[in-house]
Amino acid sequence: MRLLVFCLLLTACNTPSPHFSGTEVTRVSVMGSTFDVRHKGRLAEAIRVNRQYAPRLDGIAPKAEIAMQVVTGCDVVEIRGDAATITGILACGPDDGPPPALSYLKEKDCEVVDIFVPAGGATAYLEADCD
C-alpha cells in the first residue's frame, strides 16, 4: 500500500495546475535548475523537475523568471508560488507567441538544454539539442 501511494506521489511531481492543464510544455534548464514551463494567457507556470536543495523561493525565482521569459517572450512582472511550482504574471498580450528563436527551435524539433546568462549581462544564450 505504501508503495502505491509513493508511486502516485511521484507521478504528480510535474503535473500542471488546473489552469495550465492541456497546454504545451517546454523543458528548460537555467543555470543548473530544470523547469517544465507552460504558458496560457498572461500567466506562465514553471515547475522545477530536478532534484536540488531549494528551501525557499528566493534562490529559484530568478532562474524560473528567466525560463518563463525565454519560453513566452514576455517580461515577468510578478512571481508567486514556492520553490517547486512558480507562477509568473506576464507583461504581454494573451495571444503573443513565443520569441522567434524558440519558435524556430520548436519547428526543428529541438529542446532547450540550457540557458547561460553572463554576470552583469542582459543577453542570455541558449543551448539546444535537436533531433
Protein backbone atom coordinates (compact mmCIF):
# COMPACT_ATOMS: atom_id res chain seq x y z
CA MET A 1 0.00 0.00 0.00
CA ARG A 2 2.81 2.41 0.86
CA LEU A 3 4.49 1.66 -2.46
CA LEU A 4 1.29 2.53 -4.34
CA VAL A 5 0.96 5.85 -2.51
CA PHE A 6 4.64 6.63 -3.16
CA CYS A 7 4.25 5.86 -6.90
CA LEU A 8 1.15 8.06 -7.12
CA LEU A 9 3.01 10.93 -5.49
CA LEU A 10 5.91 10.56 -7.91
CA THR A 11 3.61 10.76 -10.94
CA ALA A 12 2.30 14.11 -9.69
CA CYS A 13 5.72 15.76 -9.48
CA ASN A 14 5.43 17.77 -12.69
CA THR A 15 1.66 17.81 -13.12
CA PRO A 16 0.44 21.30 -14.07
CA SER A 17 -2.13 23.18 -12.06
CA PRO A 18 -5.70 23.00 -13.45
CA HIS A 19 -5.36 26.36 -15.27
CA PHE A 20 -2.45 25.01 -17.35
CA SER A 21 -3.89 21.54 -17.99
CA GLY A 22 -3.59 20.61 -21.67
CA THR A 23 -1.13 23.38 -22.57
CA GLU A 24 2.15 22.69 -24.35
CA VAL A 25 5.16 22.20 -22.11
CA THR A 26 8.74 23.29 -22.79
CA ARG A 27 11.57 21.89 -20.66
CA VAL A 28 14.28 24.45 -19.97
CA SER A 29 17.41 24.35 -17.79
CA VAL A 30 18.68 27.62 -16.38
CA MET A 31 21.99 27.64 -14.52
CA GLY A 32 21.51 24.17 -13.03
CA SER A 33 17.75 24.29 -12.41
CA THR A 34 15.41 22.46 -14.80
CA PHE A 35 11.81 23.60 -15.30
CA ASP A 36 8.75 22.48 -17.25
CA VAL A 37 7.28 25.78 -18.44
CA ARG A 38 3.67 26.22 -19.55
CA HIS A 39 2.07 29.44 -20.82
CA LYS A 40 -1.59 30.41 -21.02
CA GLY A 41 -2.87 33.96 -21.35
CA ARG A 42 -0.99 36.38 -19.12
CA LEU A 43 0.27 33.59 -16.83
CA ALA A 44 3.20 31.20 -17.03
CA GLU A 45 3.97 28.27 -14.77
CA ALA A 46 7.44 26.87 -14.15
CA ILE A 47 7.60 23.54 -12.33
CA ARG A 48 11.08 22.62 -11.12
CA VAL A 49 11.70 19.00 -12.08
CA ASN A 50 15.28 18.38 -10.98
CA ARG A 51 16.46 17.33 -7.54
CA GLN A 52 18.02 20.35 -5.95
CA TYR A 53 18.29 21.82 -2.48
CA ALA A 54 15.97 24.81 -2.58
CA PRO A 55 14.29 25.52 0.74
CA ARG A 56 12.93 28.93 -0.29
CA LEU A 57 11.68 30.67 -3.41
CA ASP A 58 14.48 33.29 -3.21
CA GLY A 59 17.13 31.05 -4.80
CA ILE A 60 14.90 29.62 -7.53
CA ALA A 61 12.76 32.63 -8.53
CA PRO A 62 15.37 34.40 -10.73
CA LYS A 63 16.02 31.17 -12.67
CA ALA A 64 12.30 30.47 -13.08
CA GLU A 65 11.78 34.03 -14.27
CA ILE A 66 14.44 33.61 -16.97
CA ALA A 67 12.91 30.28 -18.05
CA MET A 68 9.43 31.84 -18.34
CA GLN A 69 10.77 34.85 -20.26
CA VAL A 70 12.61 32.62 -22.75
CA VAL A 71 9.58 30.41 -23.40
CA THR A 72 6.97 33.17 -23.59
CA GLY A 73 8.95 36.10 -24.95
CA CYS A 74 7.30 38.30 -22.31
CA ASP A 75 8.61 40.11 -19.26
CA VAL A 76 7.65 38.59 -15.92
CA VAL A 77 6.28 41.35 -13.67
CA GLU A 78 5.42 39.27 -10.62
CA ILE A 79 6.32 35.83 -9.24
CA ARG A 80 4.21 33.73 -6.88
CA GLY A 81 4.49 30.21 -5.56
CA ASP A 82 7.07 28.10 -3.81
CA ALA A 83 10.43 26.54 -4.66
CA ALA A 84 8.80 23.78 -6.74
CA THR A 85 5.91 25.45 -8.60
CA ILE A 86 6.31 29.07 -9.63
CA THR A 87 3.62 31.15 -11.34
CA GLY A 88 4.63 34.27 -13.23
CA ILE A 89 2.38 37.17 -14.22
CA LEU A 90 3.43 38.33 -17.68
CA ALA A 91 3.54 41.79 -19.26
CA CYS A 92 2.23 40.85 -22.70
CA GLY A 93 -0.97 40.09 -24.52
CA PRO A 94 -2.73 36.72 -24.26
CA ASP A 95 -2.16 36.00 -27.96
CA ASP A 96 1.56 36.81 -28.08
CA GLY A 97 3.54 33.80 -29.21
CA PRO A 98 6.97 32.54 -28.22
CA PRO A 99 10.01 34.55 -29.32
CA PRO A 100 11.24 33.85 -32.88
CA ALA A 101 14.31 31.89 -31.73
CA LEU A 102 12.19 29.50 -29.67
CA SER A 103 9.64 29.12 -32.50
CA TYR A 104 12.49 28.14 -34.82
CA LEU A 105 13.84 25.58 -32.33
CA LYS A 106 10.38 24.01 -31.88
CA GLU A 107 9.95 23.90 -35.66
CA LYS A 108 13.22 21.98 -35.96
CA ASP A 109 12.18 19.60 -33.12
CA CYS A 110 14.74 20.98 -30.67
CA GLU A 111 14.71 21.18 -26.89
CA VAL A 112 16.36 23.97 -24.94
CA VAL A 113 19.01 22.16 -22.91
CA ASP A 114 20.45 25.09 -21.01
CA ILE A 115 20.45 28.85 -20.80
CA PHE A 116 23.56 30.81 -19.92
CA VAL A 117 23.27 34.31 -18.51
CA PRO A 118 26.60 36.12 -18.22
CA ALA A 119 27.15 38.03 -14.98
CA GLY A 120 26.02 41.62 -15.39
CA GLY A 121 24.73 40.98 -18.90
CA ALA A 122 21.18 41.15 -20.16
CA THR A 123 21.76 38.75 -23.06
CA ALA A 124 21.02 35.08 -22.49
CA TYR A 125 22.50 32.33 -24.64
CA LEU A 126 20.53 29.18 -25.45
CA GLU A 127 21.97 25.71 -25.89
CA ALA A 128 19.64 23.43 -27.85
CA ASP A 129 19.55 19.69 -28.52
CA CYS A 130 17.95 18.90 -31.89
CA ASP A 131 16.84 15.51 -33.21
